[in-house]
Amino acid sequence: MKKSWIVVANAHRARCFERDDKGGALNELADFIYPQTRINTGPDVADPTGEAGKGHGRTGHSGRQFEPRTETHDKERVSFARTIADYVNDGVAGQRCVGLSLIASSQMLGDLRPLLSVAATKVLRYSVDRDLTAYQGTELKERIDHALELPD
C-alpha cells in the first residue's frame, strides 16, 4: 500500500507521521526536539563593554560600522529545519513515501520548503501554515485531517 508522510513542525519540535493514502491511522516515524541552546540574559559575552561595532570607517575617522546581524535563534531554527529536511529528503529518495504534507508554523514552513530536494518538492501535496505540535492522539488526527481536508 502506498504511504504518505505528514510533517507537523514548529521551531522547537517536529514530528513525522506515515499513513496510507486513504487517510487512515497515523503512525509516528520520528520525533525531533530541538533544545534551546542559548538564553540571552544580557550584554554580548564577546563584548562586555557594549562597544560592538566600534572601528574606523572609510574616511579613517573614528566611528561605528555594523555588519548585518543574524540572530542566533534564527540560525538555530534554520539548522533544525535542515535536520528535518534531510530526514524527509532521505525518505523520498529511499522511496519510503509517495506523498508529502507539511503542516508547520509560518517561520518553519519558510525555512523548510527551500531545503527540500527536487524529488521531495515533486511529491509535496500540501503545505499548511498551522502549528499542531501541541496536540496528541485523536485530537491531533482530527486537526491534521481538517488541515488537509481529508474525509474521515
C-alpha atoms as a PDB file:
ATOM      1  CA  MET A   1       0.000   0.000   0.000  1.00  0.00           C
ATOM      2  CA  LYS A   2       1.274   3.482  -0.831  1.00  0.00           C
ATOM      3  CA  LYS A   3       2.281   5.638   2.131  1.00  0.00           C
ATOM      4  CA  SER A   4       2.359   9.401   2.545  1.00  0.00           C
ATOM      5  CA  TRP A   5       4.316  11.348   5.125  1.00  0.00           C
ATOM      6  CA  ILE A   6       2.932  14.202   7.177  1.00  0.00           C
ATOM      7  CA  VAL A   7       5.365  16.520   8.940  1.00  0.00           C
ATOM      8  CA  VAL A   8       3.995  18.611  11.822  1.00  0.00           C
ATOM      9  CA  ALA A   9       6.549  21.195  12.966  1.00  0.00           C
ATOM     10  CA  ASN A  10       7.457  24.450  14.613  1.00  0.00           C
ATOM     11  CA  ALA A  11      10.837  25.932  15.579  1.00  0.00           C
ATOM     12  CA  HIS A  12      11.228  23.621  18.581  1.00  0.00           C
ATOM     13  CA  ARG A  13       9.586  20.332  17.654  1.00  0.00           C
ATOM     14  CA  ALA A  14       8.833  18.303  14.559  1.00  0.00           C
ATOM     15  CA  ARG A  15       7.026  15.006  14.182  1.00  0.00           C
ATOM     16  CA  CYS A  16       6.895  12.885  11.068  1.00  0.00           C
ATOM     17  CA  PHE A  17       3.930  10.571  10.564  1.00  0.00           C
ATOM     18  CA  GLU A  18       3.165   7.960   7.967  1.00  0.00           C
ATOM     19  CA  ARG A  19      -0.300   6.996   6.770  1.00  0.00           C
ATOM     20  CA  ASP A  20      -1.780   5.193   3.810  1.00  0.00           C
ATOM     21  CA  ASP A  21      -3.216   7.291   1.001  1.00  0.00           C
ATOM     22  CA  LYS A  22      -6.783   6.635   2.154  1.00  0.00           C
ATOM     23  CA  GLY A  23      -6.405   8.826   5.245  1.00  0.00           C
ATOM     24  CA  GLY A  24      -6.027   6.009   7.785  1.00  0.00           C
ATOM     25  CA  ALA A  25      -4.330   5.975  11.154  1.00  0.00           C
ATOM     26  CA  LEU A  26      -1.195   7.989  11.796  1.00  0.00           C
ATOM     27  CA  ASN A  27       1.965   6.029  12.503  1.00  0.00           C
ATOM     28  CA  GLU A  28       4.689   8.191  14.068  1.00  0.00           C
ATOM     29  CA  LEU A  29       8.066   7.653  12.413  1.00  0.00           C
ATOM     30  CA  ALA A  30      10.203  10.311  14.090  1.00  0.00           C
ATOM     31  CA  ASP A  31      10.020  12.969  16.788  1.00  0.00           C
ATOM     32  CA  PHE A  32      12.590  15.762  16.627  1.00  0.00           C
ATOM     33  CA  ILE A  33      13.010  18.102  19.583  1.00  0.00           C
ATOM     34  CA  TYR A  34      15.420  20.972  19.242  1.00  0.00           C
ATOM     35  CA  PRO A  35      16.868  22.071  22.588  1.00  0.00           C
ATOM     36  CA  GLN A  36      17.216  25.707  23.485  1.00  0.00           C
ATOM     37  CA  THR A  37      20.963  26.214  23.200  1.00  0.00           C
ATOM     38  CA  ARG A  38      21.318  29.831  24.161  1.00  0.00           C
ATOM     39  CA  ILE A  39      19.467  32.096  26.509  1.00  0.00           C
ATOM     40  CA  ASN A  40      20.184  35.770  26.043  1.00  0.00           C
ATOM     41  CA  THR A  41      20.432  37.260  29.509  1.00  0.00           C
ATOM     42  CA  GLY A  42      22.288  40.483  28.946  1.00  0.00           C
ATOM     43  CA  PRO A  43      25.127  42.147  27.047  1.00  0.00           C
ATOM     44  CA  ASP A  44      27.012  40.178  24.462  1.00  0.00           C
ATOM     45  CA  VAL A  45      29.564  37.973  26.207  1.00  0.00           C
ATOM     46  CA  ALA A  46      32.065  38.549  23.401  1.00  0.00           C
ATOM     47  CA  ASP A  47      31.869  42.297  24.044  1.00  0.00           C
ATOM     48  CA  PRO A  48      31.005  43.020  27.681  1.00  0.00           C
ATOM     49  CA  THR A  49      31.832  46.713  27.199  1.00  0.00           C
ATOM     50  CA  GLY A  50      28.882  47.230  24.885  1.00  0.00           C
ATOM     51  CA  GLU A  51      31.182  48.812  22.281  1.00  0.00           C
ATOM     52  CA  ALA A  52      30.215  46.455  19.460  1.00  0.00           C
ATOM     53  CA  GLY A  53      30.864  47.814  16.003  1.00  0.00           C
ATOM     54  CA  LYS A  54      33.455  50.397  17.023  1.00  0.00           C
ATOM     55  CA  GLY A  55      36.009  50.894  14.295  1.00  0.00           C
ATOM     56  CA  HIS A  56      37.264  53.147  11.576  1.00  0.00           C
ATOM     57  CA  GLY A  57      35.198  53.980   8.528  1.00  0.00           C
ATOM     58  CA  ARG A  58      36.430  54.623   5.016  1.00  0.00           C
ATOM     59  CA  THR A  59      37.410  58.154   5.914  1.00  0.00           C
ATOM     60  CA  GLY A  60      39.733  56.955   8.653  1.00  0.00           C
ATOM     61  CA  HIS A  61      37.758  58.735  11.363  1.00  0.00           C
ATOM     62  CA  SER A  62      36.673  57.032  14.486  1.00  0.00           C
ATOM     63  CA  GLY A  63      33.127  55.805  14.164  1.00  0.00           C
ATOM     64  CA  ARG A  64      30.895  52.809  14.169  1.00  0.00           C
ATOM     65  CA  GLN A  65      30.268  50.257  11.492  1.00  0.00           C
ATOM     66  CA  PHE A  66      27.793  47.458  11.820  1.00  0.00           C
ATOM     67  CA  GLU A  67      27.576  44.224   9.917  1.00  0.00           C
ATOM     68  CA  PRO A  68      24.201  42.711   9.172  1.00  0.00           C
ATOM     69  CA  ARG A  69      23.192  40.742  12.207  1.00  0.00           C
ATOM     70  CA  THR A  70      21.675  37.297  12.090  1.00  0.00           C
ATOM     71  CA  GLU A  71      20.105  36.370  15.372  1.00  0.00           C
ATOM     72  CA  THR A  72      21.388  33.152  16.941  1.00  0.00           C
ATOM     73  CA  HIS A  73      17.876  31.738  17.300  1.00  0.00           C
ATOM     74  CA  ASP A  74      17.304  32.284  13.550  1.00  0.00           C
ATOM     75  CA  LYS A  75      20.447  30.274  12.775  1.00  0.00           C
ATOM     76  CA  GLU A  76      19.338  27.550  15.180  1.00  0.00           C
ATOM     77  CA  ARG A  77      15.870  27.394  13.609  1.00  0.00           C
ATOM     78  CA  VAL A  78      17.371  27.038  10.126  1.00  0.00           C
ATOM     79  CA  SER A  79      19.712  24.324  11.410  1.00  0.00           C
ATOM     80  CA  PHE A  80      16.722  22.485  12.863  1.00  0.00           C
ATOM     81  CA  ALA A  81      14.848  22.874   9.565  1.00  0.00           C
ATOM     82  CA  ARG A  82      17.880  21.387   7.784  1.00  0.00           C
ATOM     83  CA  THR A  83      17.709  18.315  10.066  1.00  0.00           C
ATOM     84  CA  ILE A  84      14.023  17.813   9.268  1.00  0.00           C
ATOM     85  CA  ALA A  85      14.531  18.401   5.525  1.00  0.00           C
ATOM     86  CA  ASP A  86      17.404  15.904   5.442  1.00  0.00           C
ATOM     87  CA  TYR A  87      15.175  13.261   7.045  1.00  0.00           C
ATOM     88  CA  VAL A  88      12.360  13.928   4.567  1.00  0.00           C
ATOM     89  CA  ASN A  89      14.710  14.084   1.571  1.00  0.00           C
ATOM     90  CA  ASP A  90      16.245  10.729   2.556  1.00  0.00           C
ATOM     91  CA  GLY A  91      12.781   9.190   2.913  1.00  0.00           C
ATOM     92  CA  VAL A  92      11.683  10.377  -0.508  1.00  0.00           C
ATOM     93  CA  ALA A  93      14.965   9.286  -2.101  1.00  0.00           C
ATOM     94  CA  GLY A  94      14.577   5.867  -0.480  1.00  0.00           C
ATOM     95  CA  GLN A  95      11.020   5.652  -1.865  1.00  0.00           C
ATOM     96  CA  ARG A  96       9.554   5.196   1.621  1.00  0.00           C
ATOM     97  CA  CYS A  97       6.768   7.657   0.778  1.00  0.00           C
ATOM     98  CA  VAL A  98       4.909   8.738  -2.338  1.00  0.00           C
ATOM     99  CA  GLY A  99       3.323  11.894  -0.957  1.00  0.00           C
ATOM    100  CA  LEU A 100       4.320  14.619   1.491  1.00  0.00           C
ATOM    101  CA  SER A 101       2.341  17.140   3.542  1.00  0.00           C
ATOM    102  CA  LEU A 102       3.888  19.893   5.641  1.00  0.00           C
ATOM    103  CA  ILE A 103       1.863  21.408   8.482  1.00  0.00           C
ATOM    104  CA  ALA A 104       4.065  23.914  10.259  1.00  0.00           C
ATOM    105  CA  SER A 105       4.318  27.382  11.719  1.00  0.00           C
ATOM    106  CA  SER A 106       4.875  30.047   9.071  1.00  0.00           C
ATOM    107  CA  GLN A 107       8.529  30.565  10.001  1.00  0.00           C
ATOM    108  CA  MET A 108       9.267  26.854   9.854  1.00  0.00           C
ATOM    109  CA  LEU A 109       7.478  26.495   6.512  1.00  0.00           C
ATOM    110  CA  GLY A 110       9.569  29.348   5.169  1.00  0.00           C
ATOM    111  CA  ASP A 111      12.759  27.688   6.386  1.00  0.00           C
ATOM    112  CA  LEU A 112      11.822  24.131   5.431  1.00  0.00           C
ATOM    113  CA  ARG A 113      10.459  24.396   1.901  1.00  0.00           C
ATOM    114  CA  PRO A 114      13.642  25.747   0.236  1.00  0.00           C
ATOM    115  CA  LEU A 115      15.622  22.905   1.841  1.00  0.00           C
ATOM    116  CA  LEU A 116      13.528  20.149   0.254  1.00  0.00           C
ATOM    117  CA  SER A 117      15.142  18.215  -2.580  1.00  0.00           C
ATOM    118  CA  VAL A 118      13.715  18.375  -6.092  1.00  0.00           C
ATOM    119  CA  ALA A 119      12.230  14.892  -5.584  1.00  0.00           C
ATOM    120  CA  ALA A 120      10.617  15.890  -2.264  1.00  0.00           C
ATOM    121  CA  THR A 121       9.185  19.044  -3.828  1.00  0.00           C
ATOM    122  CA  LYS A 122       7.615  16.940  -6.582  1.00  0.00           C
ATOM    123  CA  VAL A 123       5.737  14.759  -4.055  1.00  0.00           C
ATOM    124  CA  LEU A 124       4.711  17.723  -1.852  1.00  0.00           C
ATOM    125  CA  ARG A 125       0.906  17.728  -1.859  1.00  0.00           C
ATOM    126  CA  TYR A 126       0.024  20.129   0.941  1.00  0.00           C
ATOM    127  CA  SER A 127       1.795  22.965   2.694  1.00  0.00           C
ATOM    128  CA  VAL A 128      -0.316  24.325   5.558  1.00  0.00           C
ATOM    129  CA  ASP A 129       0.555  27.258   7.833  1.00  0.00           C
ATOM    130  CA  ARG A 130      -0.597  25.882  11.182  1.00  0.00           C
ATOM    131  CA  ASP A 131       1.189  24.779  14.365  1.00  0.00           C
ATOM    132  CA  LEU A 132      -0.233  21.452  15.568  1.00  0.00           C
ATOM    133  CA  THR A 133       2.769  20.325  17.621  1.00  0.00           C
ATOM    134  CA  ALA A 134       0.934  20.628  20.958  1.00  0.00           C
ATOM    135  CA  TYR A 135      -1.755  18.074  20.063  1.00  0.00           C
ATOM    136  CA  GLN A 136      -1.747  14.316  20.653  1.00  0.00           C
ATOM    137  CA  GLY A 137      -3.744  11.235  19.744  1.00  0.00           C
ATOM    138  CA  THR A 138      -7.248  11.535  18.328  1.00  0.00           C
ATOM    139  CA  GLU A 139      -7.278  15.326  18.549  1.00  0.00           C
ATOM    140  CA  LEU A 140      -4.070  15.520  16.506  1.00  0.00           C
ATOM    141  CA  LYS A 141      -5.503  13.195  13.828  1.00  0.00           C
ATOM    142  CA  GLU A 142      -8.695  15.253  13.635  1.00  0.00           C
ATOM    143  CA  ARG A 143      -6.775  18.514  13.316  1.00  0.00           C
ATOM    144  CA  ILE A 144      -4.487  17.064  10.651  1.00  0.00           C
ATOM    145  CA  ASP A 145      -7.498  15.743   8.729  1.00  0.00           C
ATOM    146  CA  HIS A 146      -9.154  19.149   8.959  1.00  0.00           C
ATOM    147  CA  ALA A 147      -5.972  20.946   7.874  1.00  0.00           C
ATOM    148  CA  LEU A 148      -5.626  18.630   4.879  1.00  0.00           C
ATOM    149  CA  GLU A 149      -9.391  18.474   4.268  1.00  0.00           C
ATOM    150  CA  LEU A 150      -9.437  14.684   4.212  1.00  0.00           C
ATOM    151  CA  PRO A 151     -12.608  12.694   4.807  1.00  0.00           C
ATOM    152  CA  ASP A 152     -12.857  10.629   7.996  1.00  0.00           C
END
